[in-house]
């Protein structure tokens, strides 16, 4: 399986997914919270961004 590195870890290419919506992510193209990957929008913004948006 293809390997990618992100968040200081190695991942199988298709295992690097958003913790909330399971969208496949690319190394460096996602947000992180507590060592877990999230897509920037909408998941990270919804969970951890400024409220009232």
Protein backbone atom coordinates (compact mmCIF):
# COMPACT_ATOMS: atom_id res chain seq x y z
CA UNK A 1 0.00 0.00 0.00
CA UNK A 2 1.14 3.53 -0.71
CA UNK A 3 2.43 5.43 2.31
CA UNK A 4 2.06 9.14 3.09
CA UNK A 5 3.45 11.16 6.00
CA UNK A 6 1.40 13.70 7.93
CA UNK A 7 1.14 14.89 11.54
CA UNK A 8 4.51 13.28 12.23
CA UNK A 9 3.20 9.80 11.38
CA UNK A 10 3.12 7.49 8.40
CA UNK A 11 -0.33 6.58 7.07
CA UNK A 12 -1.65 4.26 4.39
CA UNK A 13 -2.73 6.66 1.64
CA UNK A 14 -6.41 5.84 2.08
CA UNK A 15 -6.31 5.80 5.91
CA UNK A 16 -5.56 9.54 6.17
CA UNK A 17 -9.19 10.61 6.58
CA UNK A 18 -11.13 13.31 8.37
CA UNK A 19 -12.11 12.13 11.85
CA UNK A 20 -15.59 13.61 11.40
CA UNK A 21 -16.72 12.96 7.82
CA UNK A 22 -14.20 10.31 6.63
CA UNK A 23 -13.19 12.33 3.56
CA UNK A 24 -9.78 11.18 2.26
CA UNK A 25 -7.18 13.89 2.96
CA UNK A 26 -3.84 14.83 1.43
CA UNK A 27 -0.69 15.41 3.49
CA UNK A 28 -0.44 19.09 4.39
CA UNK A 29 -3.94 19.75 3.03
CA UNK A 30 -5.87 19.35 6.25
CA UNK A 31 -6.23 20.66 9.79
CA UNK A 32 -5.24 18.88 13.00
CA UNK A 33 -6.69 18.77 16.50
CA UNK A 34 -5.25 16.57 19.28
CA UNK A 35 -3.15 14.71 16.69
CA UNK A 36 -6.18 13.77 14.59
CA UNK A 37 -6.77 14.94 11.01
CA UNK A 38 -9.82 16.97 9.96
CA UNK A 39 -10.81 18.57 6.65
CA UNK A 40 -10.60 22.38 6.94
CA UNK A 41 -14.19 23.01 5.87
CA UNK A 42 -16.69 22.21 7.03
CA UNK A 43 -15.51 19.86 9.80
CA UNK A 44 -12.61 21.67 11.50
CA UNK A 45 -14.28 25.06 11.12
CA UNK A 46 -17.55 23.72 12.54
CA UNK A 47 -15.98 21.90 15.49
CA UNK A 48 -13.16 24.25 16.48
CA UNK A 49 -13.58 27.55 14.62
CA UNK A 50 -15.15 30.78 15.87
CA UNK A 51 -18.76 30.29 16.90
CA UNK A 52 -21.64 32.10 15.23
CA UNK A 53 -20.50 31.65 11.63
